Amino acid sequence: MNSEPLHVGPLVIGPEELSWRFSRSGGPGGQGVNTTDSRAAVSYDVARSPALSEAQRARALARLSARLVDGVLTVTSSEHRSQLANRRAALVRLGAVLEEALAPPPKPRRRTRPSRGSVERRLSAKKRQADIKRMRRRPDD
């Protein structure tokens, strides 16, 4: 499991760049819950990774700034009872987080004016609502 690279789009992260930690997982699990280290945490050093270009590194550091500790991104998984399944889930989650962080920014929105019909519909709906509220009031004699 540790020997396969992680593919994030066109980017390939070697297994030597990932560091793993295992600990006891909380929650149900029967008798084995107190003895097996099934929770998996994978760490990836975004700030010093040779797999990232300077532009990718800058974008990832900016977008993941709230999740990084000294430039290192850590993702954990403990939803499965087996360590192997949690390792796979942590790798998938790490790939998804990195893919989202490295995605290019969306195209800026072009400002457009509302159509005449949409403006008229909005104003007539406001007028209808005002008439309804006015009819609910007590008549002023």
Protein backbone atom coordinates (compact mmCIF):
# COMPACT_ATOMS: atom_id res chain seq x y z
CA MET A 1 0.00 0.00 0.00
CA ASN A 2 2.81 2.43 0.81
CA SER A 3 4.59 1.74 -2.46
CA GLU A 4 2.02 3.14 -4.91
CA PRO A 5 2.11 6.80 -5.99
CA LEU A 6 -0.85 9.11 -5.53
CA HIS A 7 -2.26 10.54 -8.78
CA VAL A 8 -3.91 13.96 -8.52
CA GLY A 9 -4.90 14.96 -12.04
CA PRO A 10 -1.63 15.18 -14.02
CA LEU A 11 0.37 15.40 -10.78
CA VAL A 12 2.07 12.28 -9.37
CA ILE A 13 3.06 12.26 -5.70
CA GLY A 14 5.57 9.57 -4.81
CA PRO A 15 5.04 7.36 -1.74
CA GLU A 16 8.25 8.71 -0.20
CA GLU A 17 6.57 12.13 0.14
CA LEU A 18 3.71 10.75 2.24
CA SER A 19 4.13 9.99 5.93
CA TRP A 20 1.69 7.74 7.78
CA ARG A 21 0.60 7.58 11.41
CA PHE A 22 -1.72 5.02 12.93
CA SER A 23 -3.68 5.21 16.17
CA ARG A 24 -6.64 3.66 17.88
CA SER A 25 -9.94 4.58 16.37
CA GLY A 26 -12.93 5.65 18.44
CA GLY A 27 -16.43 4.34 18.10
CA PRO A 28 -17.84 0.82 17.87
CA GLY A 29 -15.63 -2.05 16.85
CA GLY A 30 -16.10 -4.93 19.23
CA GLN A 31 -13.26 -6.50 21.15
CA GLY A 32 -10.60 -5.37 18.68
CA VAL A 33 -11.29 -1.66 19.14
CA ASN A 34 -8.96 -1.39 22.13
CA THR A 35 -6.07 -3.32 20.57
CA THR A 36 -5.81 -2.39 16.89
CA ASP A 37 -4.46 0.84 15.45
CA SER A 38 -7.04 1.15 12.69
CA ARG A 39 -7.20 4.95 12.36
CA ALA A 40 -4.93 6.19 9.55
CA ALA A 41 -3.50 9.69 9.16
CA VAL A 42 -1.50 10.60 6.07
CA SER A 43 0.60 13.78 5.95
CA TYR A 44 1.88 15.56 2.85
CA ASP A 45 4.37 18.44 2.97
CA VAL A 46 2.85 20.91 0.51
CA ALA A 47 5.44 23.62 1.18
CA ARG A 48 8.49 21.47 0.37
CA SER A 49 7.17 18.95 -2.15
CA PRO A 50 9.28 18.53 -5.33
CA ALA A 51 6.20 17.26 -7.19
CA LEU A 52 4.59 20.73 -7.23
CA SER A 53 5.60 23.61 -9.47
CA GLU A 54 5.99 27.06 -7.90
CA ALA A 55 2.59 28.19 -9.20
CA GLN A 56 0.87 25.03 -7.93
CA ARG A 57 2.60 25.35 -4.55
CA ALA A 58 1.55 29.00 -4.18
CA ARG A 59 -2.06 28.18 -5.10
CA ALA A 60 -2.22 25.17 -2.76
CA LEU A 61 -0.65 27.09 0.14
CA ALA A 62 -3.11 29.96 -0.33
CA ARG A 63 -6.20 27.75 -0.61
CA LEU A 64 -5.25 25.30 2.15
CA SER A 65 -3.87 27.87 4.58
CA ALA A 66 -6.52 27.05 7.22
CA ARG A 67 -5.73 23.31 7.09
CA LEU A 68 -1.91 23.46 7.02
CA VAL A 69 0.39 23.18 10.02
CA ASP A 70 3.91 24.37 9.09
CA GLY A 71 3.11 23.69 5.42
CA VAL A 72 2.00 20.10 6.06
CA LEU A 73 -1.48 18.85 5.15
CA THR A 74 -2.80 15.96 7.26
CA VAL A 75 -5.87 13.91 6.39
CA THR A 76 -7.27 11.20 8.67
CA SER A 77 -9.72 8.37 8.22
CA SER A 78 -11.32 6.22 10.89
CA GLU A 79 -14.69 5.25 9.42
CA HIS A 80 -13.67 1.66 8.61
CA ARG A 81 -12.77 -1.10 11.03
CA SER A 82 -9.66 -2.20 9.15
CA GLN A 83 -6.47 -0.18 8.87
CA LEU A 84 -6.08 -1.00 5.17
CA ALA A 85 -9.53 0.37 4.32
CA ASN A 86 -8.80 3.53 6.35
CA ARG A 87 -5.48 3.96 4.53
CA ARG A 88 -7.26 3.77 1.19
CA ALA A 89 -9.94 6.21 2.35
CA ALA A 90 -7.31 8.66 3.63
CA LEU A 91 -5.47 8.54 0.28
CA VAL A 92 -8.70 9.16 -1.64
CA ARG A 93 -9.56 12.08 0.67
CA LEU A 94 -6.05 13.55 0.35
CA GLY A 95 -6.30 13.33 -3.45
CA ALA A 96 -9.68 15.09 -3.43
CA VAL A 97 -8.44 17.90 -1.15
CA LEU A 98 -5.33 18.45 -3.29
CA GLU A 99 -7.29 18.32 -6.55
CA GLU A 100 -9.68 20.98 -5.28
CA ALA A 101 -6.80 23.14 -4.03
CA LEU A 102 -4.84 22.89 -7.29
CA ALA A 103 -7.81 23.53 -9.60
CA PRO A 104 -7.49 26.74 -11.61
CA PRO A 105 -9.65 29.62 -10.44
CA PRO A 106 -13.03 29.94 -12.17
CA LYS A 107 -13.49 32.45 -14.96
CA PRO A 108 -14.58 35.84 -13.64
CA ARG A 109 -18.26 36.56 -14.08
CA ARG A 110 -19.23 39.05 -16.75
CA ARG A 111 -21.61 41.65 -15.41
CA THR A 112 -24.92 41.74 -17.26
CA ARG A 113 -28.00 43.91 -16.93
CA PRO A 114 -31.34 42.35 -16.00
CA SER A 115 -33.73 42.11 -18.93
CA ARG A 116 -36.67 44.49 -19.14
CA GLY A 117 -39.11 41.60 -18.65
CA SER A 118 -37.40 40.41 -15.48
CA VAL A 119 -37.42 43.95 -14.05
CA GLU A 120 -41.12 44.33 -14.85
CA ARG A 121 -41.94 40.92 -13.32
CA ARG A 122 -40.03 41.79 -10.15
CA LEU A 123 -41.77 45.16 -9.79
CA SER A 124 -45.24 43.75 -10.45
CA ALA A 125 -44.63 40.99 -7.86
CA LYS A 126 -43.59 43.66 -5.35
CA LYS A 127 -46.73 45.64 -6.15
CA ARG A 128 -48.93 42.54 -5.71
CA GLN A 129 -47.33 41.80 -2.34
CA ALA A 130 -47.79 45.43 -1.23
CA ASP A 131 -51.47 45.31 -2.28
CA ILE A 132 -51.99 42.08 -0.31
CA LYS A 133 -50.46 43.64 2.80
CA ARG A 134 -52.43 46.85 2.31
CA MET A 135 -55.70 44.85 2.11
CA ARG A 136 -54.88 43.16 5.45
CA ARG A 137 -54.71 46.51 7.23
CA ARG A 138 -57.58 48.03 9.15
CA PRO A 139 -59.41 50.61 7.01
CA ASP A 140 -58.63 54.20 7.99
CA ASP A 141 -62.03 56.00 8.09
